[in-house]
Amino acid sequence: MNKKEKGLLGEKLAEKFLVKRGYKILNKNLKLGRLGEIDILCCKQNFLNIVEVKSLFNSKSFLPEIHFNGRKRKKLKNLANIILRKHPNFENCIISLVCLSFEKQKVKIRYYENITL
């Protein structure tokens, strides 16, 4: 499995995880020109959720969370402002992180909802 296929697998598992938590998936891999890309855009009740997905395969030495850095957070905050303007019927937009660690035949999922930026 190459890097792109692994990323798609992580996003698919994250999508299923979010649906089980009551979210409706609105868009996946949403590109906003040079501004960036949103892995998963979903909603629940009256708010949007921009979800960043980080996957890590076969590594016990560190967690995928370390790849969610300040630059990425700033970019997602800017994207959230744009998304809210495009979807004025939603009251709020939060940013969340789904981290998947693949080890042997197991997948460990950690979810950080409404990350403070």
PDB file of N, CA and C in Angstrom:
ATOM      1  N   MET A   1       0.858  -1.174   0.000  1.00  0.00           N
ATOM      2  CA  MET A   1       0.000   0.000   0.000  1.00  0.00           C
ATOM      3  C   MET A   1       0.908   1.243   0.000  1.00  0.00           C
ATOM      4  N   ASN A   2       0.670   2.157  -0.950  1.00  0.00           N
ATOM      5  CA  ASN A   2       1.483   3.374  -0.995  1.00  0.00           C
ATOM      6  C   ASN A   2       0.923   4.448  -0.046  1.00  0.00           C
ATOM      7  N   LYS A   3       1.616   5.582   0.037  1.00  0.00           N
ATOM      8  CA  LYS A   3       1.258   6.635   0.993  1.00  0.00           C
ATOM      9  C   LYS A   3      -0.153   7.177   0.750  1.00  0.00           C
ATOM     10  N   LYS A   4      -0.505   7.395  -0.511  1.00  0.00           N
ATOM     11  CA  LYS A   4      -1.828   7.917  -0.838  1.00  0.00           C
ATOM     12  C   LYS A   4      -2.935   6.936  -0.435  1.00  0.00           C
ATOM     13  N   GLU A   5      -2.715   5.657  -0.708  1.00  0.00           N
ATOM     14  CA  GLU A   5      -3.698   4.635  -0.347  1.00  0.00           C
ATOM     15  C   GLU A   5      -3.862   4.546   1.169  1.00  0.00           C
ATOM     16  N   LYS A   6      -2.757   4.664   1.892  1.00  0.00           N
ATOM     17  CA  LYS A   6      -2.830   4.647   3.354  1.00  0.00           C
ATOM     18  C   LYS A   6      -3.617   5.846   3.873  1.00  0.00           C
ATOM     19  N   GLY A   7      -3.372   7.008   3.269  1.00  0.00           N
ATOM     20  CA  GLY A   7      -4.107   8.209   3.668  1.00  0.00           C
ATOM     21  C   GLY A   7      -5.599   8.070   3.413  1.00  0.00           C
ATOM     22  N   LEU A   8      -5.948   7.519   2.258  1.00  0.00           N
ATOM     23  CA  LEU A   8      -7.366   7.313   1.925  1.00  0.00           C
ATOM     24  C   LEU A   8      -8.025   6.322   2.877  1.00  0.00           C
ATOM     25  N   LEU A   9      -7.289   5.278   3.254  1.00  0.00           N
ATOM     26  CA  LEU A   9      -7.818   4.311   4.217  1.00  0.00           C
ATOM     27  C   LEU A   9      -8.084   4.997   5.551  1.00  0.00           C
ATOM     28  N   GLY A  10      -7.139   5.805   6.017  1.00  0.00           N
ATOM     29  CA  GLY A  10      -7.318   6.540   7.268  1.00  0.00           C
ATOM     30  C   GLY A  10      -8.531   7.454   7.212  1.00  0.00           C
ATOM     31  N   GLU A  11      -8.706   8.163   6.099  1.00  0.00           N
ATOM     32  CA  GLU A  11      -9.843   9.069   5.959  1.00  0.00           C
ATOM     33  C   GLU A  11     -11.168   8.313   5.921  1.00  0.00           C
ATOM     34  N   LYS A  12     -11.175   7.154   5.276  1.00  0.00           N
ATOM     35  CA  LYS A  12     -12.401   6.347   5.222  1.00  0.00           C
ATOM     36  C   LYS A  12     -12.790   5.851   6.622  1.00  0.00           C
ATOM     37  N   LEU A  13     -11.812   5.390   7.385  1.00  0.00           N
ATOM     38  CA  LEU A  13     -12.087   4.931   8.752  1.00  0.00           C
ATOM     39  C   LEU A  13     -12.522   6.103   9.641  1.00  0.00           C
ATOM     40  N   ALA A  14     -11.915   7.269   9.451  1.00  0.00           N
ATOM     41  CA  ALA A  14     -12.306   8.457  10.213  1.00  0.00           C
ATOM     42  C   ALA A  14     -13.735   8.856   9.876  1.00  0.00           C
ATOM     43  N   GLU A  15     -14.091   8.762   8.606  1.00  0.00           N
ATOM     44  CA  GLU A  15     -15.458   9.085   8.171  1.00  0.00           C
ATOM     45  C   GLU A  15     -16.475   8.164   8.872  1.00  0.00           C
ATOM     46  N   LYS A  16     -16.217   6.873   8.879  1.00  0.00           N
ATOM     47  CA  LYS A  16     -17.117   5.927   9.556  1.00  0.00           C
ATOM     48  C   LYS A  16     -17.219   6.248  11.043  1.00  0.00           C
ATOM     49  N   PHE A  17     -16.101   6.585  11.650  1.00  0.00           N
ATOM     50  CA  PHE A  17     -16.059   6.954  13.069  1.00  0.00           C
ATOM     51  C   PHE A  17     -16.948   8.168  13.337  1.00  0.00           C
ATOM     52  N   LEU A  18     -16.864   9.180  12.480  1.00  0.00           N
ATOM     53  CA  LEU A  18     -17.654  10.406  12.663  1.00  0.00           C
ATOM     54  C   LEU A  18     -19.146  10.149  12.461  1.00  0.00           C
ATOM     55  N   VAL A  19     -19.484   9.331  11.480  1.00  0.00           N
ATOM     56  CA  VAL A  19     -20.893   9.000  11.232  1.00  0.00           C
ATOM     57  C   VAL A  19     -21.485   8.292  12.445  1.00  0.00           C
ATOM     58  N   LYS A  20     -20.720   7.395  13.056  1.00  0.00           N
ATOM     59  CA  LYS A  20     -21.194   6.708  14.263  1.00  0.00           C
ATOM     60  C   LYS A  20     -21.412   7.686  15.413  1.00  0.00           C
ATOM     61  N   ARG A  21     -20.695   8.795  15.406  1.00  0.00           N
ATOM     62  CA  ARG A  21     -20.843   9.820  16.440  1.00  0.00           C
ATOM     63  C   ARG A  21     -21.960  10.816  16.110  1.00  0.00           C
ATOM     64  N   GLY A  22     -22.706  10.570  15.037  1.00  0.00           N
ATOM     65  CA  GLY A  22     -23.862  11.404  14.714  1.00  0.00           C
ATOM     66  C   GLY A  22     -23.612  12.515  13.716  1.00  0.00           C
ATOM     67  N   TYR A  23     -22.442  12.533  13.092  1.00  0.00           N
ATOM     68  CA  TYR A  23     -22.145  13.560  12.102  1.00  0.00           C
ATOM     69  C   TYR A  23     -22.650  13.169  10.722  1.00  0.00           C
ATOM     70  N   LYS A  24     -23.041  14.171   9.957  1.00  0.00           N
ATOM     71  CA  LYS A  24     -23.400  13.979   8.552  1.00  0.00           C
ATOM     72  C   LYS A  24     -22.220  14.492   7.732  1.00  0.00           C
ATOM     73  N   ILE A  25     -21.702  13.668   6.842  1.00  0.00           N
ATOM     74  CA  ILE A  25     -20.558  14.047   6.011  1.00  0.00           C
ATOM     75  C   ILE A  25     -21.069  14.916   4.857  1.00  0.00           C
ATOM     76  N   LEU A  26     -20.508  16.117   4.739  1.00  0.00           N
ATOM     77  CA  LEU A  26     -20.895  17.029   3.670  1.00  0.00           C
ATOM     78  C   LEU A  26     -19.926  16.982   2.499  1.00  0.00           C
ATOM     79  N   ASN A  27     -18.645  16.801   2.812  1.00  0.00           N
ATOM     80  CA  ASN A  27     -17.639  16.802   1.755  1.00  0.00           C
ATOM     81  C   ASN A  27     -16.358  16.142   2.263  1.00  0.00           C
ATOM     82  N   LYS A  28     -15.609  15.581   1.335  1.00  0.00           N
ATOM     83  CA  LYS A  28     -14.318  14.974   1.673  1.00  0.00           C
ATOM     84  C   LYS A  28     -13.270  15.514   0.710  1.00  0.00           C
ATOM     85  N   ASN A  29     -12.073  15.729   1.217  1.00  0.00           N
ATOM     86  CA  ASN A  29     -10.972  16.249   0.404  1.00  0.00           C
ATOM     87  C   ASN A  29     -11.385  17.501  -0.364  1.00  0.00           C
ATOM     88  N   LEU A  30     -11.990  18.422   0.354  1.00  0.00           N
ATOM     89  CA  LEU A  30     -12.495  19.665  -0.220  1.00  0.00           C
ATOM     90  C   LEU A  30     -11.336  20.631  -0.441  1.00  0.00           C
ATOM     91  N   LYS A  31     -11.059  20.910  -1.706  1.00  0.00           N
ATOM     92  CA  LYS A  31      -9.966  21.814  -2.047  1.00  0.00           C
ATOM     93  C   LYS A  31     -10.498  23.239  -2.188  1.00  0.00           C
ATOM     94  N   LEU A  32      -9.820  24.164  -1.540  1.00  0.00           N
ATOM     95  CA  LEU A  32     -10.181  25.577  -1.628  1.00  0.00           C
ATOM     96  C   LEU A  32      -9.029  26.342  -2.279  1.00  0.00           C
ATOM     97  N   GLY A  33      -8.740  25.961  -3.496  1.00  0.00           N
ATOM     98  CA  GLY A  33      -7.675  26.597  -4.265  1.00  0.00           C
ATOM     99  C   GLY A  33      -6.334  26.470  -3.571  1.00  0.00           C
ATOM    100  N   ARG A  34      -5.587  27.562  -3.589  1.00  0.00           N
ATOM    101  CA  ARG A  34      -4.269  27.566  -2.959  1.00  0.00           C
ATOM    102  C   ARG A  34      -4.344  27.707  -1.453  1.00  0.00           C
ATOM    103  N   LEU A  35      -5.548  27.922  -0.938  1.00  0.00           N
ATOM    104  CA  LEU A  35      -5.705  28.106   0.507  1.00  0.00           C
ATOM    105  C   LEU A  35      -5.535  26.808   1.288  1.00  0.00           C
ATOM    106  N   GLY A  36      -5.810  25.693   0.641  1.00  0.00           N
ATOM    107  CA  GLY A  36      -5.634  24.420   1.327  1.00  0.00           C
ATOM    108  C   GLY A  36      -6.760  23.439   1.052  1.00  0.00           C
ATOM    109  N   GLU A  37      -6.729  22.361   1.797  1.00  0.00           N
ATOM    110  CA  GLU A  37      -7.703  21.285   1.632  1.00  0.00           C
ATOM    111  C   GLU A  37      -8.237  20.868   2.989  1.00  0.00           C
ATOM    112  N   ILE A  38      -9.511  20.542   3.010  1.00  0.00           N
ATOM    113  CA  ILE A  38     -10.159  20.031   4.215  1.00  0.00           C
ATOM    114  C   ILE A  38     -10.366  18.539   4.011  1.00  0.00           C
ATOM    115  N   ASP A  39      -9.848  17.733   4.936  1.00  0.00           N
ATOM    116  CA  ASP A  39      -9.987  16.279   4.800  1.00  0.00           C
ATOM    117  C   ASP A  39     -11.451  15.866   4.841  1.00  0.00           C
ATOM    118  N   ILE A  40     -12.157  16.292   5.891  1.00  0.00           N
ATOM    119  CA  ILE A  40     -13.584  15.955   6.022  1.00  0.00           C
ATOM    120  C   ILE A  40     -14.328  17.189   6.535  1.00  0.00           C
ATOM    121  N   LEU A  41     -15.401  17.538   5.853  1.00  0.00           N
ATOM    122  CA  LEU A  41     -16.303  18.590   6.320  1.00  0.00           C
ATOM    123  C   LEU A  41     -17.613  17.903   6.679  1.00  0.00           C
ATOM    124  N   CYS A  42     -18.017  18.031   7.930  1.00  0.00           N
ATOM    125  CA  CYS A  42     -19.238  17.375   8.380  1.00  0.00           C
ATOM    126  C   CYS A  42     -20.030  18.327   9.258  1.00  0.00           C
ATOM    127  N   CYS A  43     -21.238  17.916   9.612  1.00  0.00           N
ATOM    128  CA  CYS A  43     -22.076  18.773  10.456  1.00  0.00           C
ATOM    129  C   CYS A  43     -22.880  17.920  11.427  1.00  0.00           C
ATOM    130  N   LYS A  44     -23.259  18.589  12.502  1.00  0.00           N
ATOM    131  CA  LYS A  44     -24.136  17.989  13.502  1.00  0.00           C
ATOM    132  C   LYS A  44     -24.901  19.151  14.113  1.00  0.00           C
ATOM    133  N   GLN A  45     -26.195  18.994  14.230  1.00  0.00           N
ATOM    134  CA  GLN A  45     -27.052  20.053  14.767  1.00  0.00           C
ATOM    135  C   GLN A  45     -26.831  21.336  13.970  1.00  0.00           C
ATOM    136  N   ASN A  46     -26.402  22.411  14.623  1.00  0.00           N
ATOM    137  CA  ASN A  46     -26.289  23.696  13.924  1.00  0.00           C
ATOM    138  C   ASN A  46     -24.835  24.143  13.736  1.00  0.00           C
ATOM    139  N   PHE A  47     -23.882  23.187  13.744  1.00  0.00           N
ATOM    140  CA  PHE A  47     -22.496  23.584  13.542  1.00  0.00           C
ATOM    141  C   PHE A  47     -21.776  22.682  12.551  1.00  0.00           C
ATOM    142  N   LEU A  48     -20.804  23.286  11.892  1.00  0.00           N
ATOM    143  CA  LEU A  48     -19.933  22.572  10.970  1.00  0.00           C
ATOM    144  C   LEU A  48     -18.701  22.092  11.718  1.00  0.00           C
ATOM    145  N   ASN A  49     -18.116  21.032  11.231  1.00  0.00           N
ATOM    146  CA  ASN A  49     -16.900  20.490  11.821  1.00  0.00           C
ATOM    147  C   ASN A  49     -15.899  20.246  10.699  1.00  0.00           C
ATOM    148  N   ILE A  50     -14.772  20.961  10.758  1.00  0.00           N
ATOM    149  CA  ILE A  50     -13.669  20.727   9.829  1.00  0.00           C
ATOM    150  C   ILE A  50     -12.745  19.730  10.508  1.00  0.00           C
ATOM    151  N   VAL A  51     -12.572  18.576   9.873  1.00  0.00           N
ATOM    152  CA  VAL A  51     -11.820  17.493  10.503  1.00  0.00           C
ATOM    153  C   VAL A  51     -10.530  17.235   9.736  1.00  0.00           C
ATOM    154  N   GLU A  52      -9.429  17.302  10.452  1.00  0.00           N
ATOM    155  CA  GLU A  52      -8.126  16.928   9.924  1.00  0.00           C
ATOM    156  C   GLU A  52      -7.876  15.481  10.334  1.00  0.00           C
ATOM    157  N   VAL A  53      -7.416  14.670   9.393  1.00  0.00           N
ATOM    158  CA  VAL A  53      -7.154  13.261   9.661  1.00  0.00           C
ATOM    159  C   VAL A  53      -5.646  13.022   9.560  1.00  0.00           C
ATOM    160  N   LYS A  54      -5.087  12.420  10.594  1.00  0.00           N
ATOM    161  CA  LYS A  54      -3.665  12.072  10.607  1.00  0.00           C
ATOM    162  C   LYS A  54      -3.545  10.573  10.872  1.00  0.00           C
ATOM    163  N   SER A  55      -2.844   9.880   9.982  1.00  0.00           N
ATOM    164  CA  SER A  55      -2.658   8.437  10.113  1.00  0.00           C
ATOM    165  C   SER A  55      -1.179   8.112  10.194  1.00  0.00           C
ATOM    166  N   LEU A  56      -0.878   7.092  10.959  1.00  0.00           N
ATOM    167  CA  LEU A  56       0.503   6.644  11.082  1.00  0.00           C
ATOM    168  C   LEU A  56       0.523   5.116  11.064  1.00  0.00           C
ATOM    169  N   PHE A  57       1.353   4.569  10.202  1.00  0.00           N
ATOM    170  CA  PHE A  57       1.443   3.121  10.036  1.00  0.00           C
ATOM    171  C   PHE A  57       2.762   2.606  10.601  1.00  0.00           C
ATOM    172  N   ASN A  58       2.689   1.543  11.360  1.00  0.00           N
ATOM    173  CA  ASN A  58       3.871   0.818  11.842  1.00  0.00           C
ATOM    174  C   ASN A  58       4.902   1.678  12.560  1.00  0.00           C
ATOM    175  N   SER A  59       4.466   2.470  13.501  1.00  0.00           N
ATOM    176  CA  SER A  59       5.441   3.228  14.285  1.00  0.00           C
ATOM    177  C   SER A  59       4.980   3.290  15.729  1.00  0.00           C
ATOM    178  N   LYS A  60       5.820   2.817  16.603  1.00  0.00           N
ATOM    179  CA  LYS A  60       5.506   2.846  18.021  1.00  0.00           C
ATOM    180  C   LYS A  60       6.249   3.976  18.715  1.00  0.00           C
ATOM    181  N   SER A  61       7.129   4.665  17.982  1.00  0.00           N
ATOM    182  CA  SER A  61       7.990   5.657  18.607  1.00  0.00           C
ATOM    183  C   SER A  61       7.326   7.018  18.799  1.00  0.00           C
ATOM    184  N   PHE A  62       6.301   7.337  18.017  1.00  0.00           N
ATOM    185  CA  PHE A  62       5.608   8.605  18.202  1.00  0.00           C
ATOM    186  C   PHE A  62       4.180   8.511  17.678  1.00  0.00           C
ATOM    187  N   LEU A  63       3.389   9.513  17.968  1.00  0.00           N
ATOM    188  CA  LEU A  63       1.964   9.536  17.622  1.00  0.00           C
ATOM    189  C   LEU A  63       1.722  10.454  16.424  1.00  0.00           C
ATOM    190  N   PRO A  64       0.660  10.204  15.659  1.00  0.00           N
ATOM    191  CA  PRO A  64       0.376  11.054  14.500  1.00  0.00           C
ATOM    192  C   PRO A  64       0.030  12.494  14.890  1.00  0.00           C
ATOM    193  N   GLU A  65      -0.342  12.734  16.134  1.00  0.00           N
ATOM    194  CA  GLU A  65      -0.700  14.071  16.586  1.00  0.00           C
ATOM    195  C   GLU A  65       0.434  15.077  16.395  1.00  0.00           C
ATOM    196  N   ILE A  66       1.674  14.607  16.419  1.00  0.00           N
ATOM    197  CA  ILE A  66       2.790  15.552  16.306  1.00  0.00           C
ATOM    198  C   ILE A  66       2.838  16.221  14.933  1.00  0.00           C
ATOM    199  N   HIS A  67       2.144  15.653  13.959  1.00  0.00           N
ATOM    200  CA  HIS A  67       2.103  16.240  12.626  1.00  0.00           C
ATOM    201  C   HIS A  67       1.042  17.336  12.509  1.00  0.00           C
ATOM    202  N   PHE A  68       0.286  17.560  13.558  1.00  0.00           N
ATOM    203  CA  PHE A  68      -0.730  18.624  13.572  1.00  0.00           C
ATOM    204  C   PHE A  68      -0.087  19.838  14.242  1.00  0.00           C
ATOM    205  N   ASN A  69       0.633  20.608  13.457  1.00  0.00           N
ATOM    206  CA  ASN A  69       1.434  21.698  14.001  1.00  0.00           C
ATOM    207  C   ASN A  69       0.732  23.054  13.910  1.00  0.00           C
ATOM    208  N   GLY A  70       1.393  24.074  14.395  1.00  0.00           N
ATOM    209  CA  GLY A  70       0.827  25.421  14.416  1.00  0.00           C
ATOM    210  C   GLY A  70       0.488  25.957  13.046  1.00  0.00           C
ATOM    211  N   ARG A  71       1.318  25.657  12.057  1.00  0.00           N
ATOM    212  CA  ARG A  71       1.048  26.114  10.686  1.00  0.00           C
ATOM    213  C   ARG A  71      -0.244  25.511  10.151  1.00  0.00           C
ATOM    214  N   LYS A  72      -0.430  24.226  10.412  1.00  0.00           N
ATOM    215  CA  LYS A  72      -1.646  23.542   9.955  1.00  0.00           C
ATOM    216  C   LYS A  72      -2.870  24.103  10.689  1.00  0.00           C
ATOM    217  N   ARG A  73      -2.730  24.362  11.976  1.00  0.00           N
ATOM    218  CA  ARG A  73      -3.842  24.923  12.755  1.00  0.00           C
ATOM    219  C   ARG A  73      -4.259  26.285  12.208  1.00  0.00           C
ATOM    220  N   LYS A  74      -3.282  27.110  11.895  1.00  0.00           N
ATOM    221  CA  LYS A  74      -3.575  28.448  11.362  1.00  0.00           C
ATOM    222  C   LYS A  74      -4.287  28.349  10.019  1.00  0.00           C
ATOM    223  N   LYS A  75      -3.822  27.438   9.179  1.00  0.00           N
ATOM    224  CA  LYS A  75      -4.451  27.248   7.874  1.00  0.00           C
ATOM    225  C   LYS A  75      -5.901  26.789   8.026  1.00  0.00           C
ATOM    226  N   LEU A  76      -6.147  25.858   8.955  1.00  0.00           N
ATOM    227  CA  LEU A  76      -7.513  25.368   9.170  1.00  0.00           C
ATOM    228  C   LEU A  76      -8.416  26.461   9.745  1.00  0.00           C
ATOM    229  N   LYS A  77      -7.861  27.313  10.581  1.00  0.00           N
ATOM    230  CA  LYS A  77      -8.653  28.420  11.126  1.00  0.00           C
ATOM    231  C   LYS A  77      -9.089  29.351   9.998  1.00  0.00           C
ATOM    232  N   ASN A  78      -8.193  29.658   9.081  1.00  0.00           N
ATOM    233  CA  ASN A  78      -8.542  30.492   7.925  1.00  0.00           C
ATOM    234  C   ASN A  78      -9.582  29.809   7.049  1.00  0.00           C
ATOM    235  N   LEU A  79      -9.436  28.511   6.850  1.00  0.00           N
ATOM    236  CA  LEU A  79     -10.411  27.765   6.053  1.00  0.00           C
ATOM    237  C   LEU A  79     -11.778  27.751   6.736  1.00  0.00           C
ATOM    238  N   ALA A  80     -11.792  27.679   8.059  1.00  0.00           N
ATOM    239  CA  ALA A  80     -13.062  27.690   8.803  1.00  0.00           C
ATOM    240  C   ALA A  80     -13.811  28.991   8.563  1.00  0.00           C
ATOM    241  N   ASN A  81     -13.105  30.104   8.540  1.00  0.00           N
ATOM    242  CA  ASN A  81     -13.755  31.391   8.278  1.00  0.00           C
ATOM    243  C   ASN A  81     -14.368  31.430   6.887  1.00  0.00           C
ATOM    244  N   ILE A  82     -13.673  30.883   5.912  1.00  0.00           N
ATOM    245  CA  ILE A  82     -14.186  30.840   4.543  1.00  0.00           C
ATOM    246  C   ILE A  82     -15.412  29.935   4.459  1.00  0.00           C
ATOM    247  N   ILE A  83     -15.324  28.771   5.075  1.00  0.00           N
ATOM    248  CA  ILE A  83     -16.436  27.812   5.047  1.00  0.00           C
ATOM    249  C   ILE A  83     -17.688  28.408   5.695  1.00  0.00           C
ATOM    250  N   LEU A  84     -17.523  29.105   6.812  1.00  0.00           N
ATOM    251  CA  LEU A  84     -18.680  29.717   7.481  1.00  0.00           C
ATOM    252  C   LEU A  84     -19.358  30.747   6.589  1.00  0.00           C
ATOM    253  N   ARG A  85     -18.576  31.501   5.821  1.00  0.00           N
ATOM    254  CA  ARG A  85     -19.163  32.474   4.881  1.00  0.00           C
ATOM    255  C   ARG A  85     -19.921  31.770   3.768  1.00  0.00           C
ATOM    256  N   LYS A  86     -19.448  30.596   3.366  1.00  0.00           N
ATOM    257  CA  LYS A  86     -20.114  29.845   2.299  1.00  0.00           C
ATOM    258  C   LYS A  86     -21.356  29.104   2.799  1.00  0.00           C
ATOM    259  N   HIS A  87     -21.430  28.880   4.113  1.00  0.00           N
ATOM    260  CA  HIS A  87     -22.551  28.159   4.723  1.00  0.00           C
ATOM    261  C   HIS A  87     -23.149  29.013   5.856  1.00  0.00           C
ATOM    262  N   PRO A  88     -23.802  30.120   5.511  1.00  0.00           N
ATOM    263  CA  PRO A  88     -24.301  31.032   6.555  1.00  0.00           C
ATOM    264  C   PRO A  88     -25.434  30.452   7.406  1.00  0.00           C
ATOM    265  N   ASN A  89     -26.025  29.335   6.979  1.00  0.00           N
ATOM    266  CA  ASN A  89     -27.108  28.725   7.754  1.00  0.00           C
ATOM    267  C   ASN A  89     -26.582  27.996   8.996  1.00  0.00           C
ATOM    268  N   PHE A  90     -25.266  27.832   9.101  1.00  0.00           N
ATOM    269  CA  PHE A  90     -24.678  27.220  10.292  1.00  0.00           C
ATOM    270  C   PHE A  90     -24.189  28.310  11.229  1.00  0.00           C
ATOM    271  N   GLU A  91     -24.408  28.114  12.528  1.00  0.00           N
ATOM    272  CA  GLU A  91     -24.052  29.118  13.524  1.00  0.00           C
ATOM    273  C   GLU A  91     -22.571  29.152  13.852  1.00  0.00           C
ATOM    274  N   ASN A  92     -21.923  27.999  13.777  1.00  0.00           N
ATOM    275  CA  ASN A  92     -20.549  27.919  14.251  1.00  0.00           C
ATOM    276  C   ASN A  92     -19.789  26.868  13.448  1.00  0.00           C
ATOM    277  N   CYS A  93     -18.472  26.970  13.511  1.00  0.00           N
ATOM    278  CA  CYS A  93     -17.617  25.998  12.854  1.00  0.00           C
ATOM    279  C   CYS A  93     -16.508  25.624  13.832  1.00  0.00           C
ATOM    280  N   ILE A  94     -16.343  24.334  14.061  1.00  0.00           N
ATOM    281  CA  ILE A  94     -15.274  23.872  14.938  1.00  0.00           C
ATOM    282  C   ILE A  94     -14.237  23.116  14.113  1.00  0.00           C
ATOM    283  N   ILE A  95     -13.074  22.936  14.700  1.00  0.00           N
ATOM    284  CA  ILE A  95     -12.019  22.165  14.061  1.00  0.00           C
ATOM    285  C   ILE A  95     -11.683  20.993  14.969  1.00  0.00           C
ATOM    286  N   SER A  96     -11.614  19.815  14.371  1.00  0.00           N
ATOM    287  CA  SER A  96     -11.338  18.604  15.136  1.00  0.00           C
ATOM    288  C   SER A  96     -10.227  17.804  14.462  1.00  0.00           C
ATOM    289  N   LEU A  97      -9.686  16.879  15.213  1.00  0.00           N
ATOM    290  CA  LEU A  97      -8.586  16.053  14.736  1.00  0.00           C
ATOM    291  C   LEU A  97      -8.903  14.586  15.022  1.00  0.00           C
ATOM    292  N   VAL A  98      -8.775  13.756  13.986  1.00  0.00           N
ATOM    293  CA  VAL A  98      -8.895  12.311  14.151  1.00  0.00           C
ATOM    294  C   VAL A  98      -7.525  11.717  13.844  1.00  0.00           C
ATOM    295  N   CYS A  99      -6.967  11.003  14.813  1.00  0.00           N
ATOM    296  CA  CYS A  99      -5.657  10.364  14.657  1.00  0.00           C
ATOM    297  C   CYS A  99      -5.823   8.856  14.651  1.00  0.00           C
ATOM    298  N   LEU A 100      -5.209   8.219  13.671  1.00  0.00           N
ATOM    299  CA  LEU A 100      -5.282   6.770  13.552  1.00  0.00           C
ATOM    300  C   LEU A 100      -3.876   6.205  13.581  1.00  0.00           C
ATOM    301  N   SER A 101      -3.670   5.245  14.464  1.00  0.00           N
ATOM    302  CA  SER A 101      -2.401   4.527  14.539  1.00  0.00           C
ATOM    303  C   SER A 101      -2.653   3.083  14.140  1.00  0.00           C
ATOM    304  N   PHE A 102      -1.957   2.641  13.109  1.00  0.00           N
ATOM    305  CA  PHE A 102      -2.093   1.276  12.607  1.00  0.00           C
ATOM    306  C   PHE A 102      -0.892   0.472  13.090  1.00  0.00           C
ATOM    307  N   GLU A 103      -1.164  -0.563  13.855  1.00  0.00           N
ATOM    308  CA  GLU A 103      -0.101  -1.444  14.321  1.00  0.00           C
ATOM    309  C   GLU A 103      -0.572  -2.879  14.187  1.00  0.00           C
ATOM    310  N   LYS A 104       0.145  -3.621  13.393  1.00  0.00           N
ATOM    311  CA  LYS A 104      -0.203  -5.010  13.088  1.00  0.00           C
ATOM    312  C   LYS A 104      -1.612  -5.043  12.520  1.00  0.00           C
ATOM    313  N   GLN A 105      -2.529  -5.728  13.137  1.00  0.00           N
ATOM    314  CA  GLN A 105      -3.902  -5.819  12.629  1.00  0.00           C
ATOM    315  C   GLN A 105      -4.870  -4.918  13.392  1.00  0.00           C
ATOM    316  N   LYS A 106      -4.347  -4.002  14.194  1.00  0.00           N
ATOM    317  CA  LYS A 106      -5.187  -3.138  15.015  1.00  0.00           C
ATOM    318  C   LYS A 106      -5.121  -1.693  14.537  1.00  0.00           C
ATOM    319  N   VAL A 107      -6.237  -0.990  14.746  1.00  0.00           N
ATOM    320  CA  VAL A 107      -6.287   0.444  14.478  1.00  0.00           C
ATOM    321  C   VAL A 107      -6.732   1.133  15.762  1.00  0.00           C
ATOM    322  N   LYS A 108      -5.943   2.075  16.203  1.00  0.00           N
ATOM    323  CA  LYS A 108      -6.301   2.845  17.390  1.00  0.00           C
ATOM    324  C   LYS A 108      -6.701   4.240  16.924  1.00  0.00           C
ATOM    325  N   ILE A 109      -7.912   4.670  17.328  1.00  0.00           N
ATOM    326  CA  ILE A 109      -8.426   5.979  16.917  1.00  0.00           C
ATOM    327  C   ILE A 109      -8.520   6.887  18.134  1.00  0.00           C
ATOM    328  N   ARG A 110      -7.965   8.088  17.973  1.00  0.00           N
ATOM    329  CA  ARG A 110      -8.092   9.128  19.002  1.00  0.00           C
ATOM    330  C   ARG A 110      -8.768  10.324  18.351  1.00  0.00           C
ATOM    331  N   TYR A 111      -9.738  10.881  19.073  1.00  0.00           N
ATOM    332  CA  TYR A 111     -10.539  11.988  18.521  1.00  0.00           C
ATOM    333  C   TYR A 111     -10.454  13.185  19.445  1.00  0.00           C
ATOM    334  N   TYR A 112     -10.077  14.308  18.864  1.00  0.00           N
ATOM    335  CA  TYR A 112      -9.994  15.567  19.586  1.00  0.00           C
ATOM    336  C   TYR A 112     -11.008  16.528  18.964  1.00  0.00           C
ATOM    337  N   GLU A 113     -12.124  16.705  19.628  1.00  0.00           N
ATOM    338  CA  GLU A 113     -13.193  17.527  19.086  1.00  0.00           C
ATOM    339  C   GLU A 113     -13.065  18.966  19.567  1.00  0.00           C
ATOM    340  N   ASN A 114     -13.306  19.893  18.644  1.00  0.00           N
ATOM    341  CA  ASN A 114     -13.329  21.326  18.941  1.00  0.00           C
ATOM    342  C   ASN A 114     -12.013  21.791  19.555  1.00  0.00           C
ATOM    343  N   ILE A 115     -10.960  21.629  18.786  1.00  0.00           N
ATOM    344  CA  ILE A 115      -9.624  22.029  19.234  1.00  0.00           C
ATOM    345  C   ILE A 115      -9.566  23.545  19.330  1.00  0.00           C
ATOM    346  N   THR A 116      -9.055  24.025  20.431  1.00  0.00           N
ATOM    347  CA  THR A 116      -8.886  25.467  20.613  1.00  0.00           C
ATOM    348  C   THR A 116      -7.656  25.914  19.857  1.00  0.00           C
ATOM    349  N   LEU A 117      -7.853  26.934  19.023  1.00  0.00           N
ATOM    350  CA  LEU A 117      -6.731  27.423  18.209  1.00  0.00           C
ATOM    351  C   LEU A 117      -6.161  28.699  18.783  1.00  0.00           C
TER     352      LEU A 117
END
